Protein backbone atom coordinates (compact mmCIF):
# COMPACT_ATOMS: atom_id res chain seq x y z
CA MET A 1 29.65 74.68 57.10
CA ILE A 2 26.49 76.04 55.42
CA ALA A 3 24.75 74.79 52.26
CA ARG A 4 22.85 77.59 50.51
CA VAL A 5 20.10 75.86 48.50
CA TRP A 6 17.98 77.47 45.77
CA ARG A 7 15.50 75.95 43.31
CA GLY A 8 14.10 77.11 40.02
CA TRP A 9 11.78 75.51 37.44
CA THR A 10 11.60 75.99 33.67
CA ALA A 11 9.59 74.60 30.79
CA HIS A 12 11.46 71.74 29.14
CA GLN A 13 12.11 73.82 26.02
CA ASN A 14 13.83 76.51 28.12
CA ALA A 15 15.93 74.19 30.28
CA ASP A 16 19.09 74.17 28.17
CA ALA A 17 18.98 77.95 27.80
CA PHE A 18 18.61 78.43 31.55
CA GLU A 19 21.45 76.01 32.23
CA ALA A 20 23.58 78.12 29.91
CA VAL A 21 22.67 81.23 31.90
CA LEU A 22 23.78 79.48 35.08
CA ARG A 23 27.09 78.42 33.52
CA THR A 24 27.95 81.69 31.79
CA GLU A 25 26.39 84.33 34.06
CA SER A 26 25.20 83.26 37.50
CA LEU A 27 28.16 81.09 38.54
CA PRO A 28 30.86 83.41 37.14
CA ASN A 29 29.18 86.39 38.83
CA ALA A 30 29.15 84.62 42.20
CA LEU A 31 32.79 83.58 41.84
CA ALA A 32 33.81 87.09 40.76
CA LYS A 33 32.75 88.42 44.18
CA ASN A 34 35.79 86.61 45.60
CA ILE A 35 34.02 85.82 48.87
CA ALA A 36 36.23 84.34 51.55
CA GLY A 37 34.60 81.13 52.73
CA LEU A 38 32.82 80.26 49.45
CA ARG A 39 34.09 76.73 48.80
CA GLU A 40 32.05 75.19 46.01
CA ILE A 41 29.04 75.71 43.73
CA GLN A 42 26.98 72.84 42.31
CA VAL A 43 24.20 72.78 39.73
CA LEU A 44 21.74 69.88 39.70
CA ARG A 45 19.04 69.17 37.11
CA LEU A 46 15.98 66.91 37.14
CA GLU A 47 13.45 66.36 34.36
CA ARG A 48 9.98 66.31 35.91
CA LEU A 49 6.57 65.79 34.36
CA GLY A 50 5.90 69.01 32.45
CA GLU A 51 8.93 70.97 33.68
CA THR A 52 12.63 70.87 34.53
CA GLU A 53 13.89 71.59 38.04
CA PHE A 54 17.28 73.10 38.84
CA ILE A 55 18.97 73.20 42.22
CA THR A 56 22.01 75.32 42.94
CA ILE A 57 24.00 74.69 46.12
CA LEU A 58 26.65 77.07 47.40
CA TRP A 59 28.89 75.61 50.08
CA LEU A 60 30.15 78.25 52.50
CA ASP A 61 32.30 78.06 55.63
CA ASP A 62 29.83 79.78 57.96
CA MET A 63 27.06 82.36 58.26
CA ASP A 64 29.61 85.19 58.11
CA ALA A 65 30.46 84.03 54.58
CA VAL A 66 26.74 83.83 53.74
CA ARG A 67 26.22 87.43 54.85
CA ALA A 68 29.34 88.58 53.04
CA LEU A 69 27.99 87.02 49.83
CA ALA A 70 24.69 88.85 50.30
CA VAL A 71 26.43 92.20 50.77
CA ALA A 72 28.66 91.61 47.75
CA ARG A 73 25.53 91.03 45.68
CA GLY A 74 23.94 94.29 46.89
CA VAL A 75 21.66 92.80 49.57
CA ALA A 76 21.57 93.94 53.20
CA GLU A 77 23.09 91.45 55.65
CA GLU A 78 19.75 90.84 57.33
CA ASP A 79 18.19 90.02 53.93
CA TYR A 80 20.71 87.25 53.16
CA GLU A 81 17.85 84.78 52.48
CA LYS A 82 16.62 86.83 49.53
CA SER A 83 17.31 85.24 46.13
CA ILE A 84 18.70 87.39 43.35
CA VAL A 85 17.63 86.33 39.86
CA SER A 86 18.91 88.13 36.78
CA PHE A 87 16.62 89.42 34.06
CA SER A 88 17.91 86.86 31.56
CA ALA A 89 17.15 84.08 34.06
CA ARG A 90 13.67 85.45 34.81
CA GLU A 91 12.83 85.33 31.11
CA LEU A 92 13.45 81.57 31.09
CA LEU A 93 12.18 80.51 34.51
CA ARG A 94 8.60 79.48 35.11
CA ARG A 95 8.97 79.96 38.88
CA TRP A 96 11.70 80.03 41.49
CA ASP A 97 12.42 80.24 45.20
CA PHE A 98 12.18 83.83 46.39
CA LYS A 99 13.81 82.77 49.64
CA VAL A 100 17.07 80.80 49.68
CA GLU A 101 17.37 78.18 52.41
CA HIS A 102 20.51 77.70 54.49
CA TYR A 103 21.14 74.22 55.88
CA GLU A 104 23.74 73.37 58.48
CA VAL A 105 26.08 70.70 57.14
CA ARG A 106 26.04 68.10 59.92
CA GLU A 107 27.97 65.22 58.36
CA ILE A 108 30.09 64.48 55.30
CA VAL A 109 31.35 60.95 54.72
CA ARG A 110 33.59 60.25 51.74
CA ALA A 111 33.63 56.75 50.33
CA ALA A 112 36.55 54.94 48.74
CA GLN A 113 38.00 56.25 45.51
CA PRO A 114 35.49 55.96 42.62
CA ARG A 115 35.96 52.85 40.51
CA ILE A 116 35.39 54.01 36.94
CA GLU A 117 36.40 52.16 33.80
CA PRO A 118 38.87 54.20 31.72
CA GLY A 119 37.14 56.08 28.93
CA LYS A 120 33.66 55.32 30.23
CA ALA A 121 31.24 58.21 29.75
CA ARG A 122 29.29 59.09 32.88
CA THR A 123 26.93 61.64 34.35
CA LEU A 124 27.37 62.28 38.05
CA ILE A 125 24.18 61.70 40.03
CA ALA A 126 23.01 63.35 43.28
CA ARG A 127 20.52 61.14 45.16
CA VAL A 128 18.36 63.52 47.23
CA TRP A 129 16.09 62.52 50.11
CA ARG A 130 14.27 64.51 52.81
CA GLY A 131 12.93 63.60 56.21
CA TRP A 132 11.27 65.66 58.93
CA THR A 133 11.23 65.23 62.69
CA THR A 134 9.86 67.11 65.66
CA HIS A 135 12.43 69.40 67.23
CA GLN A 136 12.74 67.11 70.24
CA ASN A 137 13.56 64.10 68.03
CA ALA A 138 16.01 65.90 65.73
CA ASP A 139 19.18 65.06 67.65
CA ALA A 140 18.11 61.42 67.95
CA TYR A 141 17.54 61.17 64.21
CA GLU A 142 20.86 62.86 63.45
CA THR A 143 22.51 60.21 65.61
CA VAL A 144 20.78 57.51 63.56
CA LEU A 145 22.21 59.04 60.38
CA ARG A 146 25.72 59.28 61.80
CA THR A 147 25.92 55.90 63.51
CA GLN A 148 23.64 53.65 61.46
CA THR A 149 22.47 54.94 58.07
CA PHE A 150 25.74 56.31 56.69
CA PRO A 151 28.01 53.54 58.06
CA SER A 152 25.60 50.93 56.67
CA ALA A 153 25.72 52.58 53.22
CA ILE A 154 29.52 52.76 53.23
CA ALA A 155 29.75 49.12 54.33
CA LYS A 156 28.02 48.03 51.10
CA ASP A 157 31.27 48.99 49.30
CA VAL A 158 29.43 49.96 46.12
CA GLY A 159 31.70 51.02 43.28
CA GLY A 160 30.91 54.58 42.21
CA LEU A 161 29.56 55.72 45.58
CA ARG A 162 31.47 58.94 46.25
CA GLU A 163 30.10 60.83 49.22
CA LEU A 164 27.21 61.10 51.69
CA GLN A 165 26.09 64.42 53.16
CA ALA A 166 23.58 65.21 55.91
CA LEU A 167 22.12 68.73 56.03
CA ARG A 168 19.84 70.08 58.76
CA LEU A 169 17.40 73.00 58.81
CA GLU A 170 15.27 74.16 61.74
CA ARG A 171 11.81 75.04 60.44
CA LEU A 172 8.74 76.37 62.22
CA GLY A 173 7.43 73.41 64.24
CA GLU A 174 9.81 70.78 62.85
CA THR A 175 13.35 69.99 61.74
CA GLU A 176 14.16 69.01 58.16
CA PHE A 177 17.03 66.73 57.18
CA LEU A 178 18.32 66.68 53.63
CA ALA A 179 20.50 63.70 52.71
CA ILE A 180 22.51 63.82 49.48
CA VAL A 181 24.42 60.81 48.19
CA TRP A 182 26.78 61.35 45.27
CA PHE A 183 27.39 58.66 42.64
CA ASP A 184 29.57 58.37 39.55
CA ASP A 185 26.62 57.40 37.36
CA VAL A 186 23.19 55.78 37.31
CA ASP A 187 24.75 52.29 37.19
CA ALA A 188 26.23 52.97 40.62
CA VAL A 189 22.80 54.12 41.82
CA ARG A 190 21.23 50.83 40.72
CA ALA A 191 24.08 48.83 42.28
CA PHE A 192 23.52 50.70 45.55
CA ALA A 193 19.81 49.85 45.45
CA ALA A 194 20.55 46.18 44.82
CA ALA A 195 23.05 46.11 47.71
CA ARG A 196 20.28 47.37 50.00
CA GLY A 197 17.85 44.68 48.88
CA VAL A 198 15.89 46.78 46.39
CA ALA A 199 15.27 45.73 42.78
CA GLU A 200 17.33 47.73 40.28
CA ASP A 201 14.17 49.02 38.58
CA GLU A 202 12.96 50.30 41.98
CA HIS A 203 16.10 52.33 42.72
CA GLU A 204 13.97 55.39 43.53
CA LYS A 205 12.45 53.66 46.56
CA SER A 206 13.72 54.99 49.90
CA VAL A 207 14.89 52.45 52.48
CA ILE A 208 14.22 53.56 56.08
CA SER A 209 15.30 51.58 59.12
CA GLN A 210 12.90 50.85 61.96
CA ARG A 211 14.88 53.10 64.32
CA ALA A 212 14.66 55.98 61.85
CA ARG A 213 10.92 55.46 61.42
CA GLU A 214 10.49 55.76 65.18
CA VAL A 215 11.86 59.30 65.28
CA LEU A 216 10.79 60.66 61.87
CA ARG A 217 7.51 62.51 61.56
CA ARG A 218 7.37 62.04 57.77
CA TYR A 219 9.78 61.38 54.93
CA ASP A 220 10.12 61.02 51.17
CA PHE A 221 9.00 57.58 50.04
CA LYS A 222 10.63 58.26 46.69
CA VAL A 223 14.25 59.36 46.36
CA GLU A 224 15.01 61.78 43.53
CA HIS A 225 18.07 61.53 41.30
CA TYR A 226 19.46 64.75 39.85
CA GLU A 227 22.05 64.98 37.11
CA VAL A 228 25.05 66.97 38.32
CA LYS A 229 25.53 69.53 35.57
CA GLU A 230 28.27 71.67 37.08
CA VAL A 231 30.71 71.60 40.01
CA VAL A 232 32.94 74.64 40.51
CA ARG A 233 35.45 74.66 43.38
CA THR A 234 36.99 77.93 44.50
């Protein structure tokens, strides 16, 4: 499976308008192409200092589906990494990725059913972390994720922990790993931090095992928590 990841940034005052463009134009247009192998589209939002960041993730079966999506949007197959941004979106964006990145989905682990109190309002949270290794250490680090990091997280049995995903991208000179952990709400995020020995008010701190440190070249010391604004399954 492939995760097609794109980022765009707006001024705070334009964020709601851009989110509306995503909901009413960009997502419906992508779905209208009726691409075989397009499984899901997600929209994430994060308020940063001075601007708002959006991430869109399209989950596709394979690279054939990625190329088919490009062709359906009027882009040559070999230019499938090119991002297509509508005029209405350009008017609201401050900047955006001109090149879309395609990660291999290496692991998906689903936790137990979410434990949510009836009638409780919630905002789904995507906890996003990145780490980079040399190419020769990439397989070793992926093994750490599969056999240590993810099983350890699941073993905490935190209510509201939904799913863990490991994405991998080969870059020039290094390999990037993108780990996304999905939670029912920010309370579940804080409970997860506490279960890992981190104070609730330090829930943005990343926790890296000694074995992972041995094979990582660098990594995010701070984990970022995006609000999940839209999930559309095809």
